[in-house]
Amino acid sequence: MSYGQVALYAGSARAARQVGWILNQVEETVELPWWRVVNNQGRLTIKGSKYTPTVMRQFLEAEGVMIRDDYTLDIEEYRHKPTDEDMQSWELPEAYINYVNTKV
């Protein structure tokens, strides 16, 4: 999943940078699978964290994700694609769900 996707599903389509900032701020206090969030090109990017792209790579590879030598993955293969029912359970408005479906 990309930072932009997280922002999109949270209802703030243009807040990808804020998603990265939030993940960085809560890494010590909240248990989140932060390593599953990559940039929209599939590049393992992590800044301002105690973790490194190498650690991120290790976590992803342990889950069966194939990472290339240049620390990228096939984003389309691994991109999370929720169902309409998933998004409805997040209580997103129908019009926004339709908008999201045009983006993913």
PDB file of N, CA and C in Angstrom:
ATOM      1  N   MET A   1       0.848  -1.158   0.000  1.00  0.00           N
ATOM      2  CA  MET A   1       0.000   0.000   0.000  1.00  0.00           C
ATOM      3  C   MET A   1       0.900   1.230   0.000  1.00  0.00           C
ATOM      4  N   SER A   2       0.469   2.264  -0.691  1.00  0.00           N
ATOM      5  CA  SER A   2       1.266   3.487  -0.736  1.00  0.00           C
ATOM      6  C   SER A   2       0.771   4.485   0.310  1.00  0.00           C
ATOM      7  N   TYR A   3       1.631   5.465   0.607  1.00  0.00           N
ATOM      8  CA  TYR A   3       1.254   6.523   1.541  1.00  0.00           C
ATOM      9  C   TYR A   3      -0.002   7.231   1.044  1.00  0.00           C
ATOM     10  N   GLY A   4      -0.072   7.460  -0.262  1.00  0.00           N
ATOM     11  CA  GLY A   4      -1.239   8.112  -0.848  1.00  0.00           C
ATOM     12  C   GLY A   4      -2.508   7.298  -0.686  1.00  0.00           C
ATOM     13  N   GLN A   5      -2.389   5.979  -0.797  1.00  0.00           N
ATOM     14  CA  GLN A   5      -3.565   5.128  -0.592  1.00  0.00           C
ATOM     15  C   GLN A   5      -4.078   5.239   0.834  1.00  0.00           C
ATOM     16  N   VAL A   6      -3.166   5.214   1.806  1.00  0.00           N
ATOM     17  CA  VAL A   6      -3.593   5.344   3.201  1.00  0.00           C
ATOM     18  C   VAL A   6      -4.346   6.653   3.374  1.00  0.00           C
ATOM     19  N   ALA A   7      -3.796   7.736   2.822  1.00  0.00           N
ATOM     20  CA  ALA A   7      -4.452   9.040   2.914  1.00  0.00           C
ATOM     21  C   ALA A   7      -5.818   9.008   2.234  1.00  0.00           C
ATOM     22  N   LEU A   8      -5.878   8.412   1.057  1.00  0.00           N
ATOM     23  CA  LEU A   8      -7.126   8.316   0.308  1.00  0.00           C
ATOM     24  C   LEU A   8      -8.188   7.574   1.103  1.00  0.00           C
ATOM     25  N   TYR A   9      -7.816   6.433   1.669  1.00  0.00           N
ATOM     26  CA  TYR A   9      -8.776   5.633   2.428  1.00  0.00           C
ATOM     27  C   TYR A   9      -9.169   6.297   3.742  1.00  0.00           C
ATOM     28  N   ALA A  10      -8.323   7.189   4.231  1.00  0.00           N
ATOM     29  CA  ALA A  10      -8.647   7.911   5.466  1.00  0.00           C
ATOM     30  C   ALA A  10      -9.526   9.125   5.189  1.00  0.00           C
ATOM     31  N   GLY A  11      -9.770   9.403   3.903  1.00  0.00           N
ATOM     32  CA  GLY A  11     -10.637  10.523   3.552  1.00  0.00           C
ATOM     33  C   GLY A  11      -9.899  11.815   3.277  1.00  0.00           C
ATOM     34  N   SER A  12      -8.570  11.769   3.189  1.00  0.00           N
ATOM     35  CA  SER A  12      -7.750  12.954   2.908  1.00  0.00           C
ATOM     36  C   SER A  12      -6.816  12.639   1.748  1.00  0.00           C
ATOM     37  N   ALA A  13      -7.373  12.645   0.567  1.00  0.00           N
ATOM     38  CA  ALA A  13      -6.682  12.145  -0.623  1.00  0.00           C
ATOM     39  C   ALA A  13      -5.321  12.778  -0.891  1.00  0.00           C
ATOM     40  N   ARG A  14      -5.080  13.984  -0.426  1.00  0.00           N
ATOM     41  CA  ARG A  14      -3.833  14.672  -0.747  1.00  0.00           C
ATOM     42  C   ARG A  14      -2.882  14.748   0.454  1.00  0.00           C
ATOM     43  N   ALA A  15      -2.977  13.802   1.358  1.00  0.00           N
ATOM     44  CA  ALA A  15      -2.207  13.870   2.604  1.00  0.00           C
ATOM     45  C   ALA A  15      -1.159  12.763   2.733  1.00  0.00           C
ATOM     46  N   ALA A  16      -0.553  12.362   1.626  1.00  0.00           N
ATOM     47  CA  ALA A  16       0.432  11.272   1.671  1.00  0.00           C
ATOM     48  C   ALA A  16       1.608  11.598   2.589  1.00  0.00           C
ATOM     49  N   ARG A  17       2.109  12.819   2.533  1.00  0.00           N
ATOM     50  CA  ARG A  17       3.245  13.188   3.396  1.00  0.00           C
ATOM     51  C   ARG A  17       2.867  13.124   4.867  1.00  0.00           C
ATOM     52  N   GLN A  18       1.639  13.522   5.162  1.00  0.00           N
ATOM     53  CA  GLN A  18       1.184  13.480   6.548  1.00  0.00           C
ATOM     54  C   GLN A  18       1.107  12.042   7.054  1.00  0.00           C
ATOM     55  N   VAL A  19       0.752  11.116   6.176  1.00  0.00           N
ATOM     56  CA  VAL A  19       0.721   9.696   6.561  1.00  0.00           C
ATOM     57  C   VAL A  19       2.121   9.257   6.985  1.00  0.00           C
ATOM     58  N   GLY A  20       3.130   9.619   6.205  1.00  0.00           N
ATOM     59  CA  GLY A  20       4.507   9.285   6.566  1.00  0.00           C
ATOM     60  C   GLY A  20       4.893   9.891   7.900  1.00  0.00           C
ATOM     61  N   TRP A  21       4.514  11.146   8.109  1.00  0.00           N
ATOM     62  CA  TRP A  21       4.829  11.821   9.364  1.00  0.00           C
ATOM     63  C   TRP A  21       4.156  11.116  10.539  1.00  0.00           C
ATOM     64  N   ILE A  22       2.887  10.767  10.378  1.00  0.00           N
ATOM     65  CA  ILE A  22       2.155  10.085  11.456  1.00  0.00           C
ATOM     66  C   ILE A  22       2.795   8.734  11.765  1.00  0.00           C
ATOM     67  N   LEU A  23       3.103   7.964  10.741  1.00  0.00           N
ATOM     68  CA  LEU A  23       3.739   6.661  10.972  1.00  0.00           C
ATOM     69  C   LEU A  23       5.052   6.824  11.733  1.00  0.00           C
ATOM     70  N   ASN A  24       5.806   7.859  11.385  1.00  0.00           N
ATOM     71  CA  ASN A  24       7.066   8.116  12.078  1.00  0.00           C
ATOM     72  C   ASN A  24       6.828   8.505  13.537  1.00  0.00           C
ATOM     73  N   GLN A  25       5.822   9.318  13.783  1.00  0.00           N
ATOM     74  CA  GLN A  25       5.565   9.803  15.140  1.00  0.00           C
ATOM     75  C   GLN A  25       5.065   8.721  16.083  1.00  0.00           C
ATOM     76  N   VAL A  26       4.377   7.730  15.561  1.00  0.00           N
ATOM     77  CA  VAL A  26       3.777   6.712  16.437  1.00  0.00           C
ATOM     78  C   VAL A  26       4.555   5.397  16.466  1.00  0.00           C
ATOM     79  N   GLU A  27       5.708   5.340  15.808  1.00  0.00           N
ATOM     80  CA  GLU A  27       6.422   4.068  15.700  1.00  0.00           C
ATOM     81  C   GLU A  27       6.805   3.470  17.051  1.00  0.00           C
ATOM     82  N   GLU A  28       6.966   4.292  18.066  1.00  0.00           N
ATOM     83  CA  GLU A  28       7.345   3.798  19.389  1.00  0.00           C
ATOM     84  C   GLU A  28       6.147   3.493  20.277  1.00  0.00           C
ATOM     85  N   THR A  29       4.986   4.058  19.951  1.00  0.00           N
ATOM     86  CA  THR A  29       3.848   3.963  20.872  1.00  0.00           C
ATOM     87  C   THR A  29       2.665   3.159  20.356  1.00  0.00           C
ATOM     88  N   VAL A  30       2.562   2.994  19.053  1.00  0.00           N
ATOM     89  CA  VAL A  30       1.424   2.294  18.461  1.00  0.00           C
ATOM     90  C   VAL A  30       1.955   1.166  17.584  1.00  0.00           C
ATOM     91  N   GLU A  31       1.368   0.008  17.724  1.00  0.00           N
ATOM     92  CA  GLU A  31       1.800  -1.135  16.927  1.00  0.00           C
ATOM     93  C   GLU A  31       1.083  -1.118  15.578  1.00  0.00           C
ATOM     94  N   LEU A  32       1.781  -0.653  14.563  1.00  0.00           N
ATOM     95  CA  LEU A  32       1.252  -0.577  13.200  1.00  0.00           C
ATOM     96  C   LEU A  32       2.234  -1.249  12.250  1.00  0.00           C
ATOM     97  N   PRO A  33       1.748  -1.885  11.192  1.00  0.00           N
ATOM     98  CA  PRO A  33       2.653  -2.496  10.210  1.00  0.00           C
ATOM     99  C   PRO A  33       3.198  -1.442   9.236  1.00  0.00           C
ATOM    100  N   TRP A  34       3.977  -0.504   9.748  1.00  0.00           N
ATOM    101  CA  TRP A  34       4.512   0.626   8.989  1.00  0.00           C
ATOM    102  C   TRP A  34       5.315   0.173   7.772  1.00  0.00           C
ATOM    103  N   TRP A  35       5.946  -0.979   7.847  1.00  0.00           N
ATOM    104  CA  TRP A  35       6.805  -1.459   6.759  1.00  0.00           C
ATOM    105  C   TRP A  35       6.001  -1.808   5.514  1.00  0.00           C
ATOM    106  N   ARG A  36       4.686  -1.903   5.638  1.00  0.00           N
ATOM    107  CA  ARG A  36       3.852  -2.238   4.479  1.00  0.00           C
ATOM    108  C   ARG A  36       3.463  -1.012   3.661  1.00  0.00           C
ATOM    109  N   VAL A  37       3.893   0.160   4.070  1.00  0.00           N
ATOM    110  CA  VAL A  37       3.559   1.394   3.360  1.00  0.00           C
ATOM    111  C   VAL A  37       4.806   1.869   2.623  1.00  0.00           C
ATOM    112  N   VAL A  38       4.686   1.938   1.297  1.00  0.00           N
ATOM    113  CA  VAL A  38       5.802   2.338   0.435  1.00  0.00           C
ATOM    114  C   VAL A  38       5.349   3.510  -0.424  1.00  0.00           C
ATOM    115  N   ASN A  39       6.269   4.105  -1.179  1.00  0.00           N
ATOM    116  CA  ASN A  39       5.814   5.201  -2.026  1.00  0.00           C
ATOM    117  C   ASN A  39       5.078   4.650  -3.250  1.00  0.00           C
ATOM    118  N   ASN A  40       4.460   5.524  -4.001  1.00  0.00           N
ATOM    119  CA  ASN A  40       3.570   5.099  -5.087  1.00  0.00           C
ATOM    120  C   ASN A  40       4.300   4.438  -6.253  1.00  0.00           C
ATOM    121  N   GLN A  41       5.626   4.537  -6.278  1.00  0.00           N
ATOM    122  CA  GLN A  41       6.406   3.846  -7.305  1.00  0.00           C
ATOM    123  C   GLN A  41       6.886   2.485  -6.801  1.00  0.00           C
ATOM    124  N   GLY A  42       6.533   2.141  -5.556  1.00  0.00           N
ATOM    125  CA  GLY A  42       6.951   0.871  -4.992  1.00  0.00           C
ATOM    126  C   GLY A  42       8.325   0.914  -4.351  1.00  0.00           C
ATOM    127  N   ARG A  43       8.847   2.113  -4.127  1.00  0.00           N
ATOM    128  CA  ARG A  43      10.174   2.266  -3.517  1.00  0.00           C
ATOM    129  C   ARG A  43      10.049   2.257  -1.999  1.00  0.00           C
ATOM    130  N   LEU A  44      10.956   1.546  -1.353  1.00  0.00           N
ATOM    131  CA  LEU A  44      11.002   1.506   0.106  1.00  0.00           C
ATOM    132  C   LEU A  44      11.663   2.789   0.583  1.00  0.00           C
ATOM    133  N   THR A  45      10.855   3.716   1.037  1.00  0.00           N
ATOM    134  CA  THR A  45      11.361   5.002   1.508  1.00  0.00           C
ATOM    135  C   THR A  45      11.007   5.141   2.974  1.00  0.00           C
ATOM    136  N   ILE A  46      11.979   5.481   3.750  1.00  0.00           N
ATOM    137  CA  ILE A  46      11.745   5.681   5.171  1.00  0.00           C
ATOM    138  C   ILE A  46      12.757   6.717   5.644  1.00  0.00           C
ATOM    139  N   LYS A  47      12.248   7.801   6.213  1.00  0.00           N
ATOM    140  CA  LYS A  47      13.122   8.889   6.656  1.00  0.00           C
ATOM    141  C   LYS A  47      12.718   9.302   8.062  1.00  0.00           C
ATOM    142  N   GLY A  48      13.662   9.792   8.816  1.00  0.00           N
ATOM    143  CA  GLY A  48      13.380  10.303  10.145  1.00  0.00           C
ATOM    144  C   GLY A  48      12.968   9.234  11.135  1.00  0.00           C
ATOM    145  N   SER A  49      13.374   8.025  10.898  1.00  0.00           N
ATOM    146  CA  SER A  49      12.979   6.898  11.734  1.00  0.00           C
ATOM    147  C   SER A  49      14.223   6.190  12.251  1.00  0.00           C
ATOM    148  N   LYS A  50      14.056   5.431  13.305  1.00  0.00           N
ATOM    149  CA  LYS A  50      15.175   4.604  13.766  1.00  0.00           C
ATOM    150  C   LYS A  50      15.364   3.396  12.848  1.00  0.00           C
ATOM    151  N   TYR A  51      14.373   3.120  12.021  1.00  0.00           N
ATOM    152  CA  TYR A  51      14.442   1.996  11.092  1.00  0.00           C
ATOM    153  C   TYR A  51      15.058   2.444   9.772  1.00  0.00           C
ATOM    154  N   THR A  52      15.555   1.493   9.018  1.00  0.00           N
ATOM    155  CA  THR A  52      16.188   1.779   7.732  1.00  0.00           C
ATOM    156  C   THR A  52      15.450   1.023   6.630  1.00  0.00           C
ATOM    157  N   PRO A  53      15.692   1.405   5.375  1.00  0.00           N
ATOM    158  CA  PRO A  53      15.104   0.627   4.285  1.00  0.00           C
ATOM    159  C   PRO A  53      15.511  -0.850   4.336  1.00  0.00           C
ATOM    160  N   THR A  54      16.688  -1.143   4.861  1.00  0.00           N
ATOM    161  CA  THR A  54      17.125  -2.538   4.971  1.00  0.00           C
ATOM    162  C   THR A  54      16.233  -3.305   5.943  1.00  0.00           C
ATOM    163  N   VAL A  55      15.895  -2.682   7.066  1.00  0.00           N
ATOM    164  CA  VAL A  55      14.990  -3.318   8.034  1.00  0.00           C
ATOM    165  C   VAL A  55      13.607  -3.489   7.407  1.00  0.00           C
ATOM    166  N   MET A  56      13.159  -2.461   6.705  1.00  0.00           N
ATOM    167  CA  MET A  56      11.865  -2.517   6.023  1.00  0.00           C
ATOM    168  C   MET A  56      11.854  -3.686   5.040  1.00  0.00           C
ATOM    169  N   ARG A  57      12.933  -3.806   4.287  1.00  0.00           N
ATOM    170  CA  ARG A  57      13.066  -4.900   3.321  1.00  0.00           C
ATOM    171  C   ARG A  57      12.982  -6.256   4.021  1.00  0.00           C
ATOM    172  N   GLN A  58      13.665  -6.403   5.148  1.00  0.00           N
ATOM    173  CA  GLN A  58      13.658  -7.668   5.886  1.00  0.00           C
ATOM    174  C   GLN A  58      12.244  -8.041   6.330  1.00  0.00           C
ATOM    175  N   PHE A  59      11.501  -7.066   6.848  1.00  0.00           N
ATOM    176  CA  PHE A  59      10.121  -7.329   7.267  1.00  0.00           C
ATOM    177  C   PHE A  59       9.260  -7.765   6.082  1.00  0.00           C
ATOM    178  N   LEU A  60       9.377  -7.046   4.964  1.00  0.00           N
ATOM    179  CA  LEU A  60       8.565  -7.374   3.788  1.00  0.00           C
ATOM    180  C   LEU A  60       8.933  -8.739   3.216  1.00  0.00           C
ATOM    181  N   GLU A  61      10.217  -9.014   3.111  1.00  0.00           N
ATOM    182  CA  GLU A  61      10.639 -10.313   2.581  1.00  0.00           C
ATOM    183  C   GLU A  61      10.188 -11.452   3.493  1.00  0.00           C
ATOM    184  N   ALA A  62      10.151 -11.217   4.789  1.00  0.00           N
ATOM    185  CA  ALA A  62       9.663 -12.236   5.726  1.00  0.00           C
ATOM    186  C   ALA A  62       8.187 -12.544   5.493  1.00  0.00           C
ATOM    187  N   GLU A  63       7.465 -11.586   4.888  1.00  0.00           N
ATOM    188  CA  GLU A  63       6.050 -11.780   4.558  1.00  0.00           C
ATOM    189  C   GLU A  63       5.865 -12.295   3.136  1.00  0.00           C
ATOM    190  N   GLY A  64       6.965 -12.586   2.446  1.00  0.00           N
ATOM    191  CA  GLY A  64       6.875 -13.138   1.102  1.00  0.00           C
ATOM    192  C   GLY A  64       6.879 -12.121  -0.018  1.00  0.00           C
ATOM    193  N   VAL A  65       7.140 -10.861   0.287  1.00  0.00           N
ATOM    194  CA  VAL A  65       7.176  -9.812  -0.733  1.00  0.00           C
ATOM    195  C   VAL A  65       8.550  -9.832  -1.400  1.00  0.00           C
ATOM    196  N   MET A  66       8.550  -9.821  -2.726  1.00  0.00           N
ATOM    197  CA  MET A  66       9.799  -9.825  -3.490  1.00  0.00           C
ATOM    198  C   MET A  66      10.293  -8.383  -3.647  1.00  0.00           C
ATOM    199  N   ILE A  67      11.484  -8.115  -3.124  1.00  0.00           N
ATOM    200  CA  ILE A  67      12.084  -6.785  -3.203  1.00  0.00           C
ATOM    201  C   ILE A  67      13.265  -6.857  -4.165  1.00  0.00           C
ATOM    202  N   ARG A  68      13.302  -5.910  -5.103  1.00  0.00           N
ATOM    203  CA  ARG A  68      14.401  -5.864  -6.076  1.00  0.00           C
ATOM    204  C   ARG A  68      15.673  -5.304  -5.421  1.00  0.00           C
ATOM    205  N   ASP A  69      16.789  -5.453  -6.115  1.00  0.00           N
ATOM    206  CA  ASP A  69      18.075  -4.958  -5.603  1.00  0.00           C
ATOM    207  C   ASP A  69      18.062  -3.453  -5.334  1.00  0.00           C
ATOM    208  N   ASP A  70      17.231  -2.707  -6.087  1.00  0.00           N
ATOM    209  CA  ASP A  70      17.172  -1.254  -5.909  1.00  0.00           C
ATOM    210  C   ASP A  70      16.129  -0.830  -4.865  1.00  0.00           C
ATOM    211  N   TYR A  71      15.723  -1.782  -4.018  1.00  0.00           N
ATOM    212  CA  TYR A  71      14.767  -1.522  -2.931  1.00  0.00           C
ATOM    213  C   TYR A  71      13.411  -1.050  -3.452  1.00  0.00           C
ATOM    214  N   THR A  72      12.952  -1.686  -4.517  1.00  0.00           N
ATOM    215  CA  THR A  72      11.608  -1.440  -5.024  1.00  0.00           C
ATOM    216  C   THR A  72      10.864  -2.764  -5.102  1.00  0.00           C
ATOM    217  N   LEU A  73       9.548  -2.643  -5.158  1.00  0.00           N
ATOM    218  CA  LEU A  73       8.693  -3.806  -5.349  1.00  0.00           C
ATOM    219  C   LEU A  73       7.684  -3.475  -6.435  1.00  0.00           C
ATOM    220  N   ASP A  74       7.021  -4.474  -6.956  1.00  0.00           N
ATOM    221  CA  ASP A  74       5.986  -4.278  -7.972  1.00  0.00           C
ATOM    222  C   ASP A  74       4.731  -3.793  -7.257  1.00  0.00           C
ATOM    223  N   ILE A  75       4.537  -2.482  -7.237  1.00  0.00           N
ATOM    224  CA  ILE A  75       3.439  -1.886  -6.468  1.00  0.00           C
ATOM    225  C   ILE A  75       2.084  -2.406  -6.927  1.00  0.00           C
ATOM    226  N   GLU A  76       1.919  -2.647  -8.212  1.00  0.00           N
ATOM    227  CA  GLU A  76       0.621  -3.128  -8.684  1.00  0.00           C
ATOM    228  C   GLU A  76       0.352  -4.554  -8.217  1.00  0.00           C
ATOM    229  N   GLU A  77       1.381  -5.350  -8.070  1.00  0.00           N
ATOM    230  CA  GLU A  77       1.190  -6.711  -7.575  1.00  0.00           C
ATOM    231  C   GLU A  77       0.815  -6.718  -6.095  1.00  0.00           C
ATOM    232  N   TYR A  78       1.425  -5.813  -5.338  1.00  0.00           N
ATOM    233  CA  TYR A  78       1.240  -5.842  -3.890  1.00  0.00           C
ATOM    234  C   TYR A  78       0.295  -4.766  -3.353  1.00  0.00           C
ATOM    235  N   ARG A  79      -0.212  -3.908  -4.224  1.00  0.00           N
ATOM    236  CA  ARG A  79      -1.109  -2.832  -3.778  1.00  0.00           C
ATOM    237  C   ARG A  79      -2.370  -3.427  -3.153  1.00  0.00           C
ATOM    238  N   HIS A  80      -2.761  -2.896  -2.003  1.00  0.00           N
ATOM    239  CA  HIS A  80      -3.996  -3.341  -1.348  1.00  0.00           C
ATOM    240  C   HIS A  80      -5.189  -2.760  -2.099  1.00  0.00           C
ATOM    241  N   LYS A  81      -6.146  -3.609  -2.425  1.00  0.00           N
ATOM    242  CA  LYS A  81      -7.344  -3.170  -3.144  1.00  0.00           C
ATOM    243  C   LYS A  81      -8.570  -3.590  -2.344  1.00  0.00           C
ATOM    244  N   PRO A  82      -9.053  -2.690  -1.486  1.00  0.00           N
ATOM    245  CA  PRO A  82     -10.213  -3.042  -0.664  1.00  0.00           C
ATOM    246  C   PRO A  82     -11.480  -3.145  -1.503  1.00  0.00           C
ATOM    247  N   THR A  83     -12.408  -3.915  -1.003  1.00  0.00           N
ATOM    248  CA  THR A  83     -13.710  -4.033  -1.662  1.00  0.00           C
ATOM    249  C   THR A  83     -14.573  -2.839  -1.278  1.00  0.00           C
ATOM    250  N   ASP A  84     -15.658  -2.646  -2.016  1.00  0.00           N
ATOM    251  CA  ASP A  84     -16.609  -1.596  -1.648  1.00  0.00           C
ATOM    252  C   ASP A  84     -17.134  -1.831  -0.235  1.00  0.00           C
ATOM    253  N   GLU A  85     -17.339  -3.094   0.115  1.00  0.00           N
ATOM    254  CA  GLU A  85     -17.830  -3.419   1.461  1.00  0.00           C
ATOM    255  C   GLU A  85     -16.818  -2.994   2.525  1.00  0.00           C
ATOM    256  N   ASP A  86     -15.535  -3.209   2.238  1.00  0.00           N
ATOM    257  CA  ASP A  86     -14.496  -2.745   3.169  1.00  0.00           C
ATOM    258  C   ASP A  86     -14.628  -1.242   3.391  1.00  0.00           C
ATOM    259  N   MET A  87     -14.704  -0.501   2.286  1.00  0.00           N
ATOM    260  CA  MET A  87     -14.762   0.958   2.397  1.00  0.00           C
ATOM    261  C   MET A  87     -16.044   1.413   3.072  1.00  0.00           C
ATOM    262  N   GLN A  88     -17.146   0.735   2.813  1.00  0.00           N
ATOM    263  CA  GLN A  88     -18.387   1.086   3.497  1.00  0.00           C
ATOM    264  C   GLN A  88     -18.254   0.856   4.996  1.00  0.00           C
ATOM    265  N   SER A  89     -17.527  -0.190   5.389  1.00  0.00           N
ATOM    266  CA  SER A  89     -17.330  -0.443   6.819  1.00  0.00           C
ATOM    267  C   SER A  89     -16.484   0.658   7.458  1.00  0.00           C
ATOM    268  N   TRP A  90     -15.722   1.391   6.643  1.00  0.00           N
ATOM    269  CA  TRP A  90     -14.944   2.520   7.156  1.00  0.00           C
ATOM    270  C   TRP A  90     -15.805   3.773   7.231  1.00  0.00           C
ATOM    271  N   GLU A  91     -17.073   3.635   6.851  1.00  0.00           N
ATOM    272  CA  GLU A  91     -18.063   4.713   6.895  1.00  0.00           C
ATOM    273  C   GLU A  91     -17.703   5.878   5.971  1.00  0.00           C
ATOM    274  N   LEU A  92     -17.147   5.540   4.806  1.00  0.00           N
ATOM    275  CA  LEU A  92     -16.884   6.553   3.797  1.00  0.00           C
ATOM    276  C   LEU A  92     -18.163   6.800   3.004  1.00  0.00           C
ATOM    277  N   PRO A  93     -18.445   8.043   2.631  1.00  0.00           N
ATOM    278  CA  PRO A  93     -19.634   8.327   1.831  1.00  0.00           C
ATOM    279  C   PRO A  93     -19.571   7.619   0.474  1.00  0.00           C
ATOM    280  N   GLU A  94     -20.714   7.256  -0.047  1.00  0.00           N
ATOM    281  CA  GLU A  94     -20.797   6.541  -1.327  1.00  0.00           C
ATOM    282  C   GLU A  94     -20.085   7.299  -2.446  1.00  0.00           C
ATOM    283  N   ALA A  95     -20.262   8.616  -2.502  1.00  0.00           N
ATOM    284  CA  ALA A  95     -19.604   9.411  -3.543  1.00  0.00           C
ATOM    285  C   ALA A  95     -18.084   9.325  -3.409  1.00  0.00           C
ATOM    286  N   TYR A  96     -17.586   9.297  -2.187  1.00  0.00           N
ATOM    287  CA  TYR A  96     -16.143   9.200  -1.977  1.00  0.00           C
ATOM    288  C   TYR A  96     -15.638   7.814  -2.364  1.00  0.00           C
ATOM    289  N   ILE A  97     -16.414   6.779  -2.065  1.00  0.00           N
ATOM    290  CA  ILE A  97     -16.041   5.416  -2.476  1.00  0.00           C
ATOM    291  C   ILE A  97     -15.921   5.350  -3.993  1.00  0.00           C
ATOM    292  N   ASN A  98     -16.857   5.967  -4.704  1.00  0.00           N
ATOM    293  CA  ASN A  98     -16.789   6.002  -6.166  1.00  0.00           C
ATOM    294  C   ASN A  98     -15.529   6.730  -6.629  1.00  0.00           C
ATOM    295  N   TYR A  99     -15.187   7.829  -5.954  1.00  0.00           N
ATOM    296  CA  TYR A  99     -13.968   8.583  -6.268  1.00  0.00           C
ATOM    297  C   TYR A  99     -12.733   7.711  -6.041  1.00  0.00           C
ATOM    298  N   VAL A 100     -12.687   7.031  -4.903  1.00  0.00           N
ATOM    299  CA  VAL A 100     -11.558   6.157  -4.581  1.00  0.00           C
ATOM    300  C   VAL A 100     -11.390   5.088  -5.656  1.00  0.00           C
ATOM    301  N   ASN A 101     -12.487   4.521  -6.104  1.00  0.00           N
ATOM    302  CA  ASN A 101     -12.424   3.462  -7.115  1.00  0.00           C
ATOM    303  C   ASN A 101     -11.835   3.947  -8.435  1.00  0.00           C
ATOM    304  N   THR A 102     -11.886   5.241  -8.708  1.00  0.00           N
ATOM    305  CA  THR A 102     -11.257   5.770  -9.924  1.00  0.00           C
ATOM    306  C   THR A 102      -9.753   5.946  -9.741  1.00  0.00           C
ATOM    307  N   LYS A 103      -9.290   5.918  -8.498  1.00  0.00           N
ATOM    308  CA  LYS A 103      -7.878   6.166  -8.193  1.00  0.00           C
ATOM    309  C   LYS A 103      -7.051   4.900  -8.020  1.00  0.00           C
ATOM    310  N   VAL A 104      -7.680   3.786  -7.646  1.00  0.00           N
ATOM    311  CA  VAL A 104      -6.908   2.565  -7.379  1.00  0.00           C
ATOM    312  C   VAL A 104      -7.142   1.512  -8.438  1.00  0.00           C
TER     313      VAL A 104
END
